[in-house]
Amino acid sequence: MESLSIPQARKLALLSQGLPEKSSKTKSDSTTLRVFERLGYVQIDTISVVQRAHHHTLWSRNPNYQTKHLDQLVSSKRVFEYWAHAAAYLPMPEYRFSLPRKMAFKTGEQTHWYRHDKELMSNVLKRIEQEGPLMAKDFVSENRKSQGWGSKPTKQALECLFMQGDLMISERRNFHKVYDLTERVLPSDIDISLPSDYEHGRFRVMRYLKSHGFGNLSEMSYLLKGMKTQATQALNELVEEDEVTKVTIANSPYYVSREALSLLDKRVNRKRAKILSPFDNLLIQRKRAKSIFDYDYLLECYVPEKKRQYGYFCLPILWGGELVGRADCKVDKKLGVLNVIHLFVDVASKSTDAFWDDLDVELSRFTRFNGCESHVIHKVSVE
């Protein structure tokens, strides 16, 4: 069995993810669309102490990214919103592979976190059919206990209809979802045939390997209920067909596609620092980040303040082909300042002038991306 060293594995992971990004003169949304085609999905998150995660992840791979790109891609039906391992934007050509999850919700094979109120769901669907796209706030619950919770039952009905595929999100207004009938949102030429287990398994395996370079069964089926059996069968077939090969990394078994192995002949730009989102595709699977990059990361906004080690919203820092630190950041919109509340760097990076030069350039870029005029580093610590 072939073996990859940790440096090779890191290189393969970074190149597959498009990190650090290459310079580009194109300012259109076509470059952003290529990011989706590379990654397969971009996770959505509501936290906004800095620019939201979906915009951040796209900007990390497209130096000319503008937030309007995402709206353009959704409105032109090249990207759609659904569920990967979490709420996400996905490339429209891969729509049919969202159908198994939708069918599972519709048949009850997979249960939703909201109770199915079939009468309410039917009424909600009928209103959208007759009136056109609607938001949750356009509905009022007859059984509301207070004005503040008035739309909760219909919001749940909308989400159930969305998860089972009857509704799609046609746009967002001030980050609020706008729901419409699926047939009115989908492009007319999109494939809506339900993939077989065989097709679905092969798609999930090859999609993961294209986006990440290599992976194991656990990573490929991460938070995808019922996917392990299909992925296992697909892996066995792909290995037999020589499309995928087994490798070891740090004595652990992995799979890698033949196409991905060719990336080892390319170079990683080690002179560019990148400030990443906590929800970036590179490290959303924390166990993988630890085993490959020796980077132990926990998003502490969900941790009680007194128990936080690094801060509310620490952003991972990539440099030299490694994850070398984290920055707890918050935007002050009134003053137009990006506050780096606490910057943590490892010992090796702290003593390297090139690191600080590259980080200063990246902080300036990140400042502009967040709509700020300046940044301030309040505290620095060595890990």
Protein backbone atom coordinates (compact mmCIF):
# COMPACT_ATOMS: atom_id res chain seq x y z
CA MET A 1 0.00 0.00 0.00
CA GLU A 2 1.32 3.42 -0.95
CA SER A 3 2.19 5.84 1.84
CA LEU A 4 1.91 9.63 1.99
CA SER A 5 3.90 11.72 4.46
CA ILE A 6 2.16 14.34 6.57
CA PRO A 7 3.70 17.18 4.48
CA GLN A 8 2.41 15.49 1.32
CA ALA A 9 -1.03 15.03 2.85
CA ARG A 10 -1.17 18.70 3.85
CA LYS A 11 -0.12 19.73 0.36
CA LEU A 12 -2.77 17.52 -1.21
CA ALA A 13 -5.47 18.84 1.11
CA LEU A 14 -4.58 22.49 0.44
CA LEU A 15 -4.32 22.17 -3.32
CA SER A 16 -7.60 20.26 -3.50
CA GLN A 17 -9.25 23.01 -1.47
CA GLY A 18 -7.78 25.84 -3.55
CA LEU A 19 -5.74 27.28 -0.66
CA PRO A 20 -4.03 29.66 -0.60
CA GLU A 21 -5.96 31.16 -3.48
CA LYS A 22 -4.35 32.08 -6.78
CA SER A 23 -4.38 35.68 -7.95
CA SER A 24 -7.13 36.46 -10.44
CA LYS A 25 -8.02 39.40 -12.64
CA THR A 26 -11.59 38.22 -13.13
CA LYS A 27 -14.13 40.10 -11.04
CA SER A 28 -17.22 38.34 -12.32
CA ASP A 29 -19.18 35.68 -10.44
CA SER A 30 -17.76 32.98 -12.74
CA THR A 31 -14.68 32.64 -10.54
CA THR A 32 -16.91 32.25 -7.49
CA LEU A 33 -18.90 29.56 -9.31
CA ARG A 34 -15.66 27.64 -9.88
CA VAL A 35 -15.10 27.71 -6.11
CA PHE A 36 -18.44 25.93 -5.66
CA GLU A 37 -17.48 23.40 -8.33
CA ARG A 38 -14.25 22.71 -6.44
CA LEU A 39 -15.68 22.54 -2.93
CA GLY A 40 -19.10 21.00 -3.57
CA TYR A 41 -20.76 23.13 -0.90
CA VAL A 42 -20.22 26.22 1.23
CA GLN A 43 -21.67 26.20 4.72
CA ILE A 44 -24.08 28.95 5.78
CA ASP A 45 -23.83 30.46 9.24
CA THR A 46 -25.72 33.19 11.04
CA ILE A 47 -22.90 34.58 13.22
CA SER A 48 -21.84 38.00 12.02
CA VAL A 49 -19.12 39.35 14.35
CA VAL A 50 -17.12 39.35 11.12
CA GLN A 51 -18.39 38.73 7.58
CA ARG A 52 -20.64 35.65 7.53
CA ALA A 53 -19.00 32.26 7.02
CA HIS A 54 -20.33 31.56 3.51
CA HIS A 55 -18.95 34.85 2.19
CA HIS A 56 -15.70 34.34 4.11
CA THR A 57 -15.10 30.87 2.67
CA LEU A 58 -15.70 32.09 -0.88
CA TRP A 59 -13.45 35.13 -0.38
CA SER A 60 -10.68 32.87 0.93
CA ARG A 61 -10.52 31.23 -2.51
CA ASN A 62 -11.42 34.15 -4.78
CA PRO A 63 -9.43 37.34 -4.10
CA ASN A 64 -11.98 39.38 -6.07
CA TYR A 65 -15.04 37.93 -4.37
CA GLN A 66 -17.95 40.28 -3.75
CA THR A 67 -20.96 39.38 -1.64
CA LYS A 68 -23.26 40.19 -4.57
CA HIS A 69 -21.75 37.20 -6.41
CA LEU A 70 -23.67 34.79 -4.23
CA ASP A 71 -26.99 36.56 -4.86
CA GLN A 72 -26.25 36.51 -8.58
CA LEU A 73 -25.47 32.79 -8.57
CA VAL A 74 -28.69 32.01 -6.69
CA SER A 75 -30.89 34.27 -8.84
CA SER A 76 -29.40 32.83 -12.05
CA LYS A 77 -30.08 29.31 -10.71
CA ARG A 78 -26.45 28.20 -10.79
CA VAL A 79 -26.33 27.60 -7.02
CA PHE A 80 -29.07 26.45 -4.66
CA GLU A 81 -29.57 26.30 -0.93
CA TYR A 82 -30.08 23.02 0.89
CA TRP A 83 -28.24 20.75 3.29
CA ALA A 84 -24.74 19.24 3.10
CA HIS A 85 -23.62 18.21 6.58
CA ALA A 86 -25.30 21.50 7.60
CA ALA A 87 -27.18 24.33 5.88
CA ALA A 88 -25.23 25.20 2.74
CA TYR A 89 -25.11 26.55 -0.78
CA LEU A 90 -24.45 23.88 -3.42
CA PRO A 91 -23.81 23.88 -7.20
CA MET A 92 -27.05 23.40 -9.14
CA PRO A 93 -25.74 20.59 -11.43
CA GLU A 94 -25.49 18.39 -8.31
CA TYR A 95 -29.13 19.00 -7.36
CA ARG A 96 -30.29 15.42 -7.97
CA PHE A 97 -27.96 14.16 -5.23
CA SER A 98 -29.96 16.16 -2.68
CA LEU A 99 -33.03 14.07 -3.58
CA PRO A 100 -32.27 10.97 -1.45
CA ARG A 101 -32.28 13.08 1.73
CA LYS A 102 -35.46 14.87 0.64
CA MET A 103 -37.17 11.58 -0.12
CA ALA A 104 -36.11 10.20 3.27
CA PHE A 105 -37.75 13.16 5.01
CA LYS A 106 -40.88 12.89 2.89
CA THR A 107 -41.40 9.18 3.52
CA GLY A 108 -40.57 9.41 7.23
CA GLU A 109 -37.48 7.23 6.84
CA GLN A 110 -35.55 10.16 8.30
CA THR A 111 -37.24 12.26 10.96
CA HIS A 112 -37.19 16.04 10.98
CA TRP A 113 -36.35 18.07 14.08
CA TYR A 114 -39.77 19.73 13.63
CA ARG A 115 -43.08 17.90 13.97
CA HIS A 116 -44.96 17.43 10.71
CA ASP A 117 -48.25 19.33 10.92
CA LYS A 118 -49.63 18.05 7.62
CA GLU A 119 -52.70 20.32 7.61
CA LEU A 120 -50.61 23.42 8.22
CA MET A 121 -48.01 22.30 5.67
CA SER A 122 -50.77 21.87 3.08
CA ASN A 123 -52.15 25.35 3.81
CA VAL A 124 -48.70 26.92 3.62
CA LEU A 125 -47.96 25.19 0.32
CA LYS A 126 -51.29 26.32 -1.12
CA ARG A 127 -50.64 29.97 -0.18
CA ILE A 128 -47.24 29.96 -1.87
CA GLU A 129 -48.71 28.26 -4.92
CA GLN A 130 -51.36 30.98 -5.20
CA GLU A 131 -49.46 34.06 -3.99
CA GLY A 132 -45.89 33.39 -5.07
CA PRO A 133 -42.69 33.46 -2.97
CA LEU A 134 -43.22 34.16 0.74
CA MET A 135 -41.16 34.54 3.91
CA ALA A 136 -41.98 33.19 7.35
CA LYS A 137 -43.04 36.65 8.49
CA ASP A 138 -45.74 36.66 5.79
CA PHE A 139 -47.62 34.05 7.82
CA VAL A 140 -49.41 34.50 11.13
CA SER A 141 -50.21 31.53 13.35
CA GLU A 142 -53.79 31.34 14.58
CA ASN A 143 -52.60 29.64 17.77
CA ARG A 144 -49.90 32.17 18.67
CA LYS A 145 -49.29 32.79 22.35
CA SER A 146 -47.64 36.14 21.76
CA GLN A 147 -46.80 38.41 18.87
CA GLY A 148 -43.11 37.47 19.09
CA TRP A 149 -43.77 33.78 18.54
CA GLY A 150 -46.58 34.31 16.05
CA SER A 151 -44.88 32.78 13.02
CA LYS A 152 -43.23 29.82 14.76
CA PRO A 153 -45.62 27.02 13.68
CA THR A 154 -45.63 28.19 10.05
CA LYS A 155 -41.87 28.63 10.14
CA GLN A 156 -41.61 24.99 11.15
CA ALA A 157 -44.03 24.00 8.37
CA LEU A 158 -41.95 25.95 5.84
CA GLU A 159 -38.77 24.22 6.96
CA CYS A 160 -40.40 20.78 6.78
CA LEU A 161 -41.59 21.50 3.23
CA PHE A 162 -38.13 22.79 2.36
CA MET A 163 -36.29 19.77 3.76
CA GLN A 164 -38.57 17.29 1.99
CA GLY A 165 -38.18 19.10 -1.32
CA ASP A 166 -41.58 20.70 -1.95
CA LEU A 167 -40.14 24.19 -1.45
CA MET A 168 -36.81 25.79 -2.29
CA ILE A 169 -35.29 29.08 -1.21
CA SER A 170 -35.42 31.45 -4.17
CA GLU A 171 -33.46 34.22 -2.44
CA ARG A 172 -32.69 35.80 0.91
CA ARG A 173 -33.76 39.29 1.93
CA ASN A 174 -31.72 40.71 4.78
CA PHE A 175 -30.72 37.10 5.41
CA HIS A 176 -34.39 36.02 5.73
CA LYS A 177 -35.34 33.04 3.57
CA VAL A 178 -37.81 33.48 0.73
CA TYR A 179 -39.61 30.21 -0.08
CA ASP A 180 -41.11 29.23 -3.43
CA LEU A 181 -42.35 26.07 -5.12
CA THR A 182 -39.48 23.85 -6.20
CA GLU A 183 -40.71 23.65 -9.80
CA ARG A 184 -40.59 27.46 -10.03
CA VAL A 185 -37.02 27.66 -8.72
CA LEU A 186 -35.34 24.81 -10.59
CA PRO A 187 -33.89 25.39 -14.07
CA SER A 188 -35.99 23.68 -16.74
CA ASP A 189 -33.11 21.47 -17.88
CA ILE A 190 -32.01 20.16 -14.47
CA ASP A 191 -31.94 16.42 -13.89
CA ILE A 192 -34.52 15.55 -11.23
CA SER A 193 -34.23 11.75 -11.42
CA LEU A 194 -33.63 10.06 -8.07
CA PRO A 195 -30.13 8.52 -8.08
CA SER A 196 -29.80 4.86 -7.22
CA ASP A 197 -27.85 3.81 -4.13
CA TYR A 198 -25.03 2.85 -6.50
CA GLU A 199 -24.96 6.29 -8.15
CA HIS A 200 -25.32 8.11 -4.86
CA GLY A 201 -22.49 6.22 -3.19
CA ARG A 202 -20.07 6.82 -6.06
CA PHE A 203 -21.00 10.48 -6.20
CA ARG A 204 -20.39 11.05 -2.48
CA VAL A 205 -17.02 9.30 -2.58
CA MET A 206 -15.72 11.05 -5.68
CA ARG A 207 -17.11 14.43 -4.61
CA TYR A 208 -15.28 14.18 -1.29
CA LEU A 209 -12.01 13.10 -2.90
CA LYS A 210 -12.22 15.88 -5.47
CA SER A 211 -12.74 18.49 -2.75
CA HIS A 212 -10.33 17.15 -0.15
CA GLY A 213 -7.77 15.06 -2.04
CA PHE A 214 -8.03 12.07 0.26
CA GLY A 215 -10.32 10.75 2.95
CA ASN A 216 -11.52 7.79 4.96
CA LEU A 217 -14.99 6.32 5.23
CA SER A 218 -15.86 8.29 8.36
CA GLU A 219 -14.92 11.59 6.73
CA MET A 220 -16.81 10.83 3.51
CA SER A 221 -20.01 10.01 5.39
CA TYR A 222 -19.67 12.83 7.95
CA LEU A 223 -23.15 13.66 9.29
CA LEU A 224 -24.75 11.93 6.29
CA LYS A 225 -27.19 9.46 7.79
CA GLY A 226 -27.16 6.02 6.18
CA MET A 227 -24.28 6.87 3.86
CA LYS A 228 -21.60 4.47 5.17
CA THR A 229 -22.99 1.37 3.49
CA GLN A 230 -23.31 3.05 0.09
CA ALA A 231 -19.86 4.66 0.40
CA THR A 232 -18.25 1.36 1.39
CA GLN A 233 -19.67 -0.40 -1.66
CA ALA A 234 -18.61 2.48 -3.91
CA LEU A 235 -15.07 2.50 -2.51
CA ASN A 236 -14.65 -1.23 -3.09
CA GLU A 237 -15.76 -0.84 -6.72
CA LEU A 238 -13.65 2.25 -7.36
CA VAL A 239 -10.55 0.54 -5.97
CA GLU A 240 -11.16 -2.44 -8.25
CA GLU A 241 -11.55 -0.07 -11.22
CA ASP A 242 -8.30 1.68 -10.24
CA GLU A 243 -10.07 5.05 -10.00
CA VAL A 244 -9.24 5.18 -6.32
CA THR A 245 -6.27 3.76 -4.45
CA LYS A 246 -5.60 2.95 -0.81
CA VAL A 247 -2.86 4.86 0.99
CA THR A 248 -1.62 5.25 4.54
CA ILE A 249 -1.00 8.59 6.23
CA ALA A 250 0.68 8.47 9.63
CA ASN A 251 -0.11 4.72 9.71
CA SER A 252 -3.83 5.35 9.20
CA PRO A 253 -5.72 4.05 6.13
CA TYR A 254 -7.12 6.53 3.60
CA TYR A 255 -8.38 6.57 0.03
CA VAL A 256 -7.15 8.92 -2.68
CA SER A 257 -8.22 9.38 -6.30
CA ARG A 258 -5.68 8.96 -9.08
CA GLU A 259 -6.54 12.46 -10.25
CA ALA A 260 -5.78 13.95 -6.84
CA LEU A 261 -2.37 12.28 -6.65
CA SER A 262 -1.26 14.28 -9.68
CA LEU A 263 -1.55 17.43 -7.55
CA LEU A 264 1.57 16.39 -5.64
CA ASP A 265 3.61 17.64 -8.62
CA LYS A 266 2.28 21.17 -8.08
CA ARG A 267 3.44 23.78 -5.59
CA VAL A 268 1.66 25.36 -2.64
CA ASN A 269 2.09 29.10 -2.19
CA ARG A 270 3.69 29.10 1.24
CA LYS A 271 4.32 32.85 1.27
CA ARG A 272 0.68 33.83 1.57
CA ALA A 273 -1.13 33.96 4.89
CA LYS A 274 -4.84 33.19 4.96
CA ILE A 275 -7.35 34.00 7.67
CA LEU A 276 -10.00 31.29 7.46
CA SER A 277 -13.54 30.96 8.70
CA PRO A 278 -14.24 28.53 11.56
CA PHE A 279 -16.68 26.89 9.10
CA ASP A 280 -14.18 26.64 6.26
CA ASN A 281 -14.32 23.34 4.36
CA LEU A 282 -10.63 22.71 5.08
CA LEU A 283 -11.18 22.23 8.80
CA ILE A 284 -14.88 21.79 9.44
CA GLN A 285 -14.10 18.19 10.43
CA ARG A 286 -12.06 18.95 13.54
CA LYS A 287 -10.73 15.40 13.94
CA ARG A 288 -9.23 15.55 10.45
CA ALA A 289 -7.67 18.97 11.13
CA LYS A 290 -6.04 17.52 14.23
CA SER A 291 -4.71 14.35 12.57
CA ILE A 292 -3.42 16.00 9.37
CA PHE A 293 -2.49 19.53 10.46
CA ASP A 294 -1.94 18.89 14.17
CA TYR A 295 -4.40 21.71 14.75
CA ASP A 296 -6.69 21.34 17.74
CA TYR A 297 -9.60 23.67 17.07
CA LEU A 298 -12.82 24.38 18.94
CA LEU A 299 -15.23 27.19 18.09
CA GLU A 300 -15.78 28.73 21.50
CA CYS A 301 -18.79 30.94 20.84
CA TYR A 302 -20.81 27.97 22.14
CA VAL A 303 -18.62 27.68 25.25
CA PRO A 304 -19.41 29.68 28.44
CA GLU A 305 -17.24 32.81 28.49
CA LYS A 306 -15.30 31.82 31.61
CA LYS A 307 -14.29 28.50 30.04
CA ARG A 308 -13.01 29.93 26.74
CA GLN A 309 -9.32 29.46 26.04
CA TYR A 310 -9.00 31.66 22.96
CA GLY A 311 -12.13 33.79 22.59
CA TYR A 312 -15.63 34.03 21.18
CA PHE A 313 -14.90 33.73 17.45
CA CYS A 314 -11.31 32.76 16.73
CA LEU A 315 -10.33 32.54 13.06
CA PRO A 316 -7.72 29.94 12.02
CA ILE A 317 -4.56 31.27 10.35
CA LEU A 318 -2.92 29.39 7.48
CA TRP A 319 0.69 30.12 6.55
CA GLY A 320 3.60 28.16 5.14
CA GLY A 321 1.28 25.29 4.28
CA GLU A 322 0.34 24.86 7.94
CA LEU A 323 -2.25 26.10 10.42
CA VAL A 324 -0.12 28.27 12.68
CA GLY A 325 -2.44 30.33 14.85
CA ARG A 326 -5.82 31.92 15.42
CA ALA A 327 -7.22 35.41 15.74
CA ASP A 328 -10.23 36.37 17.87
CA CYS A 329 -11.80 39.08 15.73
CA LYS A 330 -14.78 41.40 15.85
CA VAL A 331 -15.88 44.18 13.54
CA ASP A 332 -16.83 47.57 14.96
CA LYS A 333 -19.17 48.75 12.22
CA LYS A 334 -19.68 52.23 13.69
CA LEU A 335 -15.96 53.00 13.78
CA GLY A 336 -15.06 50.96 10.71
CA VAL A 337 -12.42 49.01 12.63
CA LEU A 338 -11.55 45.32 12.59
CA ASN A 339 -10.54 44.51 16.15
CA VAL A 340 -8.14 41.61 16.58
CA ILE A 341 -8.98 41.16 20.23
CA HIS A 342 -6.38 38.45 20.75
CA LEU A 343 -3.90 37.00 18.28
CA PHE A 344 -2.38 33.60 19.01
CA VAL A 345 0.63 32.34 17.04
CA ASP A 346 2.95 29.37 17.42
CA VAL A 347 6.56 29.83 18.49
CA ALA A 348 8.07 29.13 15.08
CA SER A 349 5.89 31.69 13.31
CA LYS A 350 6.44 34.36 15.98
CA SER A 351 10.17 34.41 15.28
CA THR A 352 9.75 34.65 11.49
CA ASP A 353 9.71 38.15 9.98
CA ALA A 354 8.17 36.78 6.77
CA PHE A 355 5.16 35.52 8.74
CA TRP A 356 4.42 38.93 10.23
CA ASP A 357 4.83 40.63 6.86
CA ASP A 358 2.47 38.17 5.20
CA LEU A 359 -0.02 38.34 8.06
CA ASP A 360 -0.06 42.15 7.91
CA VAL A 361 -0.94 41.97 4.21
CA GLU A 362 -3.69 39.45 4.89
CA LEU A 363 -5.11 41.47 7.80
CA SER A 364 -5.29 44.52 5.55
CA ARG A 365 -7.14 42.49 2.92
CA PHE A 366 -9.45 40.98 5.52
CA THR A 367 -10.12 44.45 6.92
CA ARG A 368 -11.26 45.72 3.52
CA PHE A 369 -13.32 42.57 2.96
CA ASN A 370 -15.18 43.33 6.18
CA GLY A 371 -15.93 46.88 5.05
CA CYS A 372 -13.52 48.41 7.56
CA GLU A 373 -10.90 51.11 7.12
CA SER A 374 -8.35 49.87 9.65
CA HIS A 375 -7.47 47.03 11.99
CA VAL A 376 -6.07 46.98 15.51
CA ILE A 377 -4.28 44.07 17.19
CA HIS A 378 -4.99 44.41 20.91
CA LYS A 379 -3.05 41.45 22.30
CA VAL A 380 -0.61 38.81 21.07
CA SER A 381 0.16 35.49 22.74
CA VAL A 382 2.55 32.68 21.82
CA GLU A 383 1.19 29.14 21.91
